[in-house]
N, C-alpha and C. Protein backbone atom coordinates (compact mmCIF):
# COMPACT_ATOMS: atom_id res chain seq x y z
N UNK A 1 77.00 51.77 62.73
CA UNK A 1 78.28 51.09 62.85
C UNK A 1 78.98 51.13 61.48
N UNK A 2 80.20 51.54 61.50
CA UNK A 2 80.98 51.67 60.27
C UNK A 2 81.43 50.30 59.80
N UNK A 3 81.40 50.11 58.48
CA UNK A 3 81.82 48.85 57.86
C UNK A 3 83.19 49.06 57.24
N UNK A 4 84.15 48.24 57.62
CA UNK A 4 85.52 48.38 57.15
C UNK A 4 85.87 47.26 56.18
N UNK A 5 86.63 47.59 55.16
CA UNK A 5 87.08 46.62 54.17
C UNK A 5 88.47 46.10 54.52
N UNK A 6 89.34 46.98 54.96
CA UNK A 6 90.72 46.61 55.25
C UNK A 6 90.96 46.55 56.75
N UNK A 7 91.68 45.55 57.24
CA UNK A 7 91.93 45.45 58.67
C UNK A 7 92.77 46.60 59.23
N UNK A 8 93.54 47.27 58.39
CA UNK A 8 94.36 48.38 58.85
C UNK A 8 93.51 49.54 59.33
N UNK A 9 92.27 49.64 58.83
CA UNK A 9 91.40 50.76 59.16
C UNK A 9 90.51 50.51 60.38
N UNK A 10 90.47 49.29 60.87
CA UNK A 10 89.59 48.94 61.99
C UNK A 10 90.18 49.53 63.27
N UNK A 11 89.41 50.35 64.00
CA UNK A 11 89.96 50.98 65.21
C UNK A 11 90.36 49.96 66.28
N UNK A 12 89.66 48.85 66.37
CA UNK A 12 89.99 47.84 67.38
C UNK A 12 91.30 47.13 67.11
N UNK A 13 91.83 47.27 65.91
CA UNK A 13 93.07 46.60 65.54
C UNK A 13 94.25 47.57 65.41
N UNK A 14 94.04 48.83 65.77
CA UNK A 14 95.14 49.80 65.65
C UNK A 14 96.23 49.47 66.66
N UNK A 15 97.44 49.73 66.25
CA UNK A 15 98.59 49.48 67.11
C UNK A 15 99.13 48.07 67.03
N UNK A 16 98.51 47.21 66.25
CA UNK A 16 99.00 45.84 66.10
C UNK A 16 99.79 45.73 64.81
N UNK A 17 100.78 44.86 64.82
CA UNK A 17 101.53 44.60 63.58
C UNK A 17 100.65 43.78 62.64
N UNK A 18 101.11 43.64 61.42
CA UNK A 18 100.35 42.88 60.43
C UNK A 18 100.17 41.43 60.89
N UNK A 19 101.21 40.86 61.46
CA UNK A 19 101.13 39.48 61.94
C UNK A 19 100.17 39.36 63.12
N UNK A 20 100.20 40.33 64.04
CA UNK A 20 99.29 40.30 65.18
C UNK A 20 97.84 40.47 64.75
N UNK A 21 97.60 41.33 63.76
CA UNK A 21 96.23 41.47 63.22
C UNK A 21 95.76 40.16 62.62
N UNK A 22 96.64 39.52 61.86
CA UNK A 22 96.29 38.26 61.22
C UNK A 22 95.99 37.18 62.25
N UNK A 23 96.82 37.10 63.30
CA UNK A 23 96.58 36.11 64.36
C UNK A 23 95.29 36.40 65.09
N UNK A 24 95.01 37.67 65.32
CA UNK A 24 93.77 38.04 66.02
C UNK A 24 92.55 37.70 65.19
N UNK A 25 92.59 37.99 63.89
CA UNK A 25 91.42 37.76 63.04
C UNK A 25 91.24 36.30 62.66
N UNK A 26 92.32 35.56 62.52
CA UNK A 26 92.19 34.20 62.02
C UNK A 26 92.39 33.12 63.07
N UNK A 27 93.06 33.43 64.16
CA UNK A 27 93.37 32.38 65.10
C UNK A 27 92.70 32.47 66.44
N UNK A 28 92.00 33.57 66.71
CA UNK A 28 91.45 33.77 68.04
C UNK A 28 90.02 33.24 68.16
N UNK A 29 89.20 33.51 67.18
CA UNK A 29 87.78 33.18 67.26
C UNK A 29 87.48 31.95 66.40
N UNK A 30 87.92 30.80 66.88
CA UNK A 30 87.84 29.58 66.09
C UNK A 30 86.40 29.10 65.89
N UNK A 31 85.54 29.28 66.89
CA UNK A 31 84.15 28.85 66.76
C UNK A 31 83.45 29.62 65.64
N UNK A 32 83.59 30.93 65.65
CA UNK A 32 82.97 31.76 64.63
C UNK A 32 83.54 31.45 63.25
N UNK A 33 84.84 31.23 63.22
CA UNK A 33 85.48 30.95 61.95
C UNK A 33 85.06 29.59 61.38
N UNK A 34 84.91 28.58 62.23
CA UNK A 34 84.50 27.27 61.74
C UNK A 34 83.06 27.30 61.27
N UNK A 35 82.18 27.99 61.98
CA UNK A 35 80.79 28.10 61.54
C UNK A 35 80.73 28.84 60.21
N UNK A 36 81.49 29.92 60.09
CA UNK A 36 81.47 30.68 58.84
C UNK A 36 82.07 29.87 57.69
N UNK A 37 83.00 28.98 57.99
CA UNK A 37 83.57 28.12 56.95
C UNK A 37 82.52 27.14 56.44
N UNK A 38 81.71 26.60 57.33
CA UNK A 38 80.63 25.71 56.89
C UNK A 38 79.60 26.46 56.05
N UNK A 39 79.28 27.68 56.47
CA UNK A 39 78.36 28.51 55.67
C UNK A 39 78.99 28.82 54.32
N UNK A 40 80.29 29.13 54.32
CA UNK A 40 80.99 29.42 53.07
C UNK A 40 80.95 28.21 52.14
N UNK A 41 81.13 27.03 52.68
CA UNK A 41 81.08 25.81 51.86
C UNK A 41 79.72 25.68 51.20
N UNK A 42 78.65 25.89 51.95
CA UNK A 42 77.30 25.82 51.37
C UNK A 42 77.08 26.88 50.31
N UNK A 43 77.57 28.10 50.57
CA UNK A 43 77.41 29.18 49.60
C UNK A 43 78.20 28.88 48.32
N UNK A 44 79.41 28.35 48.46
CA UNK A 44 80.22 28.03 47.29
C UNK A 44 79.53 26.95 46.46
N UNK A 45 79.09 25.88 47.10
CA UNK A 45 78.44 24.79 46.36
C UNK A 45 77.17 25.27 45.67
N UNK A 46 76.35 26.03 46.37
CA UNK A 46 75.10 26.51 45.78
C UNK A 46 75.36 27.53 44.68
N UNK A 47 76.31 28.44 44.90
CA UNK A 47 76.55 29.48 43.90
C UNK A 47 77.19 28.92 42.64
N UNK A 48 78.04 27.93 42.78
CA UNK A 48 78.63 27.33 41.57
C UNK A 48 77.54 26.62 40.77
N UNK A 49 76.67 25.92 41.47
CA UNK A 49 75.63 25.17 40.78
C UNK A 49 74.56 26.07 40.17
N UNK A 50 74.16 27.11 40.89
CA UNK A 50 73.03 27.93 40.46
C UNK A 50 73.39 29.30 39.93
N UNK A 51 74.64 29.71 40.03
CA UNK A 51 75.03 31.03 39.53
C UNK A 51 76.16 30.96 38.51
N UNK A 52 77.27 30.36 38.89
CA UNK A 52 78.45 30.38 38.02
C UNK A 52 78.23 29.52 36.78
N UNK A 53 77.80 28.27 36.97
CA UNK A 53 77.63 27.39 35.82
C UNK A 53 76.57 27.90 34.84
N UNK A 54 75.38 28.34 35.27
CA UNK A 54 74.44 28.90 34.29
C UNK A 54 74.96 30.15 33.60
N UNK A 55 75.67 30.99 34.35
CA UNK A 55 76.23 32.20 33.74
C UNK A 55 77.28 31.84 32.70
N UNK A 56 78.14 30.88 33.02
CA UNK A 56 79.15 30.44 32.04
C UNK A 56 78.49 29.79 30.84
N UNK A 57 77.41 29.07 31.05
CA UNK A 57 76.72 28.42 29.94
C UNK A 57 76.14 29.45 28.98
N UNK A 58 75.67 30.58 29.51
CA UNK A 58 75.13 31.64 28.64
C UNK A 58 76.24 32.43 27.96
N UNK A 59 77.26 32.79 28.70
CA UNK A 59 78.29 33.68 28.17
C UNK A 59 79.27 32.92 27.28
N UNK A 60 79.80 31.82 27.78
CA UNK A 60 80.81 31.06 27.03
C UNK A 60 80.57 29.57 27.28
N UNK A 61 79.76 28.92 26.45
CA UNK A 61 79.40 27.52 26.69
C UNK A 61 80.57 26.54 26.65
N UNK A 62 81.65 26.89 25.96
CA UNK A 62 82.78 25.96 25.84
C UNK A 62 83.78 26.05 26.99
N UNK A 63 83.57 26.97 27.91
CA UNK A 63 84.54 27.15 29.00
C UNK A 63 84.58 25.92 29.90
N UNK A 64 83.46 25.29 30.13
CA UNK A 64 83.44 24.12 31.01
C UNK A 64 84.18 22.93 30.40
N UNK A 65 84.37 22.94 29.10
CA UNK A 65 85.15 21.87 28.46
C UNK A 65 86.65 22.08 28.62
N UNK A 66 87.06 23.34 28.82
CA UNK A 66 88.46 23.66 29.05
C UNK A 66 88.68 23.60 30.57
N UNK A 67 89.21 22.49 31.03
CA UNK A 67 89.27 22.28 32.48
C UNK A 67 90.20 23.27 33.19
N UNK A 68 91.26 23.71 32.55
CA UNK A 68 92.18 24.63 33.19
C UNK A 68 91.53 26.00 33.39
N UNK A 69 90.90 26.53 32.38
CA UNK A 69 90.24 27.83 32.49
C UNK A 69 89.07 27.75 33.48
N UNK A 70 88.32 26.67 33.45
CA UNK A 70 87.20 26.47 34.37
C UNK A 70 87.71 26.41 35.81
N UNK A 71 88.83 25.74 36.03
CA UNK A 71 89.42 25.66 37.37
C UNK A 71 89.85 27.05 37.85
N UNK A 72 90.45 27.83 36.98
CA UNK A 72 90.88 29.18 37.35
C UNK A 72 89.67 30.04 37.72
N UNK A 73 88.59 29.94 36.97
CA UNK A 73 87.37 30.70 37.26
C UNK A 73 86.80 30.29 38.61
N UNK A 74 86.73 28.99 38.87
CA UNK A 74 86.19 28.51 40.14
C UNK A 74 87.08 28.90 41.32
N UNK A 75 88.39 28.85 41.14
CA UNK A 75 89.30 29.27 42.22
C UNK A 75 89.17 30.76 42.51
N UNK A 76 89.07 31.56 41.45
CA UNK A 76 88.88 33.01 41.65
C UNK A 76 87.57 33.28 42.39
N UNK A 77 86.52 32.56 42.04
CA UNK A 77 85.23 32.71 42.72
C UNK A 77 85.36 32.31 44.20
N UNK A 78 86.04 31.22 44.48
CA UNK A 78 86.25 30.77 45.84
C UNK A 78 87.04 31.80 46.65
N UNK A 79 88.12 32.32 46.08
CA UNK A 79 88.93 33.31 46.79
C UNK A 79 88.16 34.60 47.03
N UNK A 80 87.31 35.00 46.09
CA UNK A 80 86.49 36.18 46.29
C UNK A 80 85.52 35.97 47.45
N UNK A 81 84.88 34.80 47.48
CA UNK A 81 83.95 34.51 48.58
C UNK A 81 84.67 34.40 49.92
N UNK A 82 85.88 33.85 49.92
CA UNK A 82 86.65 33.77 51.16
C UNK A 82 87.02 35.16 51.66
N UNK A 83 87.40 36.05 50.76
CA UNK A 83 87.73 37.42 51.13
C UNK A 83 86.51 38.12 51.70
N UNK A 84 85.35 37.93 51.05
CA UNK A 84 84.12 38.54 51.56
C UNK A 84 83.77 38.00 52.94
N UNK A 85 83.97 36.70 53.15
CA UNK A 85 83.70 36.11 54.46
C UNK A 85 84.61 36.73 55.52
N UNK A 86 85.88 36.91 55.20
CA UNK A 86 86.82 37.51 56.15
C UNK A 86 86.46 38.96 56.49
N UNK A 87 86.01 39.72 55.50
CA UNK A 87 85.62 41.11 55.73
C UNK A 87 84.38 41.15 56.62
N UNK A 88 83.40 40.31 56.33
CA UNK A 88 82.19 40.28 57.15
C UNK A 88 82.51 39.85 58.58
N UNK A 89 83.32 38.83 58.73
CA UNK A 89 83.70 38.37 60.07
C UNK A 89 84.46 39.45 60.84
N UNK A 90 85.36 40.14 60.16
CA UNK A 90 86.14 41.18 60.81
C UNK A 90 85.21 42.26 61.36
N UNK A 91 84.19 42.60 60.62
CA UNK A 91 83.27 43.64 61.06
C UNK A 91 82.29 43.13 62.12
N UNK A 92 81.89 41.89 62.04
CA UNK A 92 80.97 41.33 63.03
C UNK A 92 81.66 41.10 64.38
N UNK A 93 82.94 40.79 64.35
CA UNK A 93 83.67 40.45 65.57
C UNK A 93 84.35 41.64 66.23
N UNK A 94 84.07 42.84 65.77
CA UNK A 94 84.73 44.02 66.35
C UNK A 94 84.54 44.14 67.85
N UNK A 95 83.33 43.92 68.40
CA UNK A 95 83.20 44.00 69.87
C UNK A 95 84.01 42.92 70.59
N UNK A 96 84.05 41.72 70.03
CA UNK A 96 84.82 40.64 70.64
C UNK A 96 86.32 40.92 70.54
N UNK A 97 86.74 41.53 69.45
CA UNK A 97 88.15 41.88 69.30
C UNK A 97 88.54 42.91 70.36
N UNK A 98 87.67 43.90 70.56
CA UNK A 98 87.96 44.92 71.58
C UNK A 98 88.03 44.30 72.97
N UNK A 99 87.12 43.38 73.28
CA UNK A 99 87.13 42.72 74.58
C UNK A 99 88.38 41.86 74.75
N UNK A 100 88.79 41.17 73.70
CA UNK A 100 89.98 40.33 73.76
C UNK A 100 91.23 41.19 73.96
N UNK A 101 91.31 42.31 73.25
CA UNK A 101 92.46 43.20 73.43
C UNK A 101 92.51 43.79 74.83
N UNK A 102 91.33 44.10 75.41
CA UNK A 102 91.28 44.61 76.78
C UNK A 102 91.73 43.54 77.76
N UNK A 103 91.35 42.30 77.53
CA UNK A 103 91.78 41.21 78.40
C UNK A 103 93.28 40.99 78.31
N UNK A 104 93.82 41.08 77.10
CA UNK A 104 95.27 40.92 76.92
C UNK A 104 96.02 42.06 77.62
N UNK A 105 95.50 43.29 77.48
CA UNK A 105 96.14 44.43 78.13
C UNK A 105 96.07 44.32 79.65
N UNK A 106 94.93 43.84 80.17
CA UNK A 106 94.81 43.65 81.62
C UNK A 106 95.77 42.59 82.13
N UNK A 107 95.94 41.52 81.35
CA UNK A 107 96.87 40.46 81.74
C UNK A 107 98.30 40.97 81.73
N UNK A 108 98.65 41.76 80.73
CA UNK A 108 99.99 42.32 80.67
C UNK A 108 100.24 43.29 81.82
N UNK A 109 99.24 44.05 82.19
CA UNK A 109 99.37 44.98 83.31
C UNK A 109 99.53 44.21 84.62
N UNK A 110 98.80 43.11 84.77
CA UNK A 110 98.90 42.30 85.98
C UNK A 110 100.27 41.63 86.05
N UNK A 111 100.77 41.17 84.90
CA UNK A 111 102.09 40.55 84.88
C UNK A 111 103.19 41.57 85.20
N UNK A 112 103.00 42.78 84.73
CA UNK A 112 104.00 43.84 84.98
C UNK A 112 103.98 44.27 86.45
N UNK A 113 102.83 44.19 87.09
CA UNK A 113 102.71 44.58 88.50
C UNK A 113 103.33 43.55 89.44
N UNK A 114 103.42 42.32 88.97
CA UNK A 114 103.96 41.25 89.84
C UNK A 114 105.43 41.26 89.87
């Protein structure tokens, strides 16, 4: 199974506008997204405590005293992890995306036939 980084390259999302891709990836599978958000929260808390802070202590011990720079580093780390979560979810949900698109197409065909 091919792993995709960008949603534009995913075959199950071809033919959709940018807004439709975004709605499909972020608004359709709420259960999966909420579970992944809880996992992301645990990963962020653990990684800041056991990875980011020790690394900053070794590389630049005074960074944690500068609250603005420390906040920027933590926000960048959070956004990176959120992006990784979205990429993993996009690739894991490909079969569900294809099924959802087929259901939408079948509904549109049924509505057009009526």
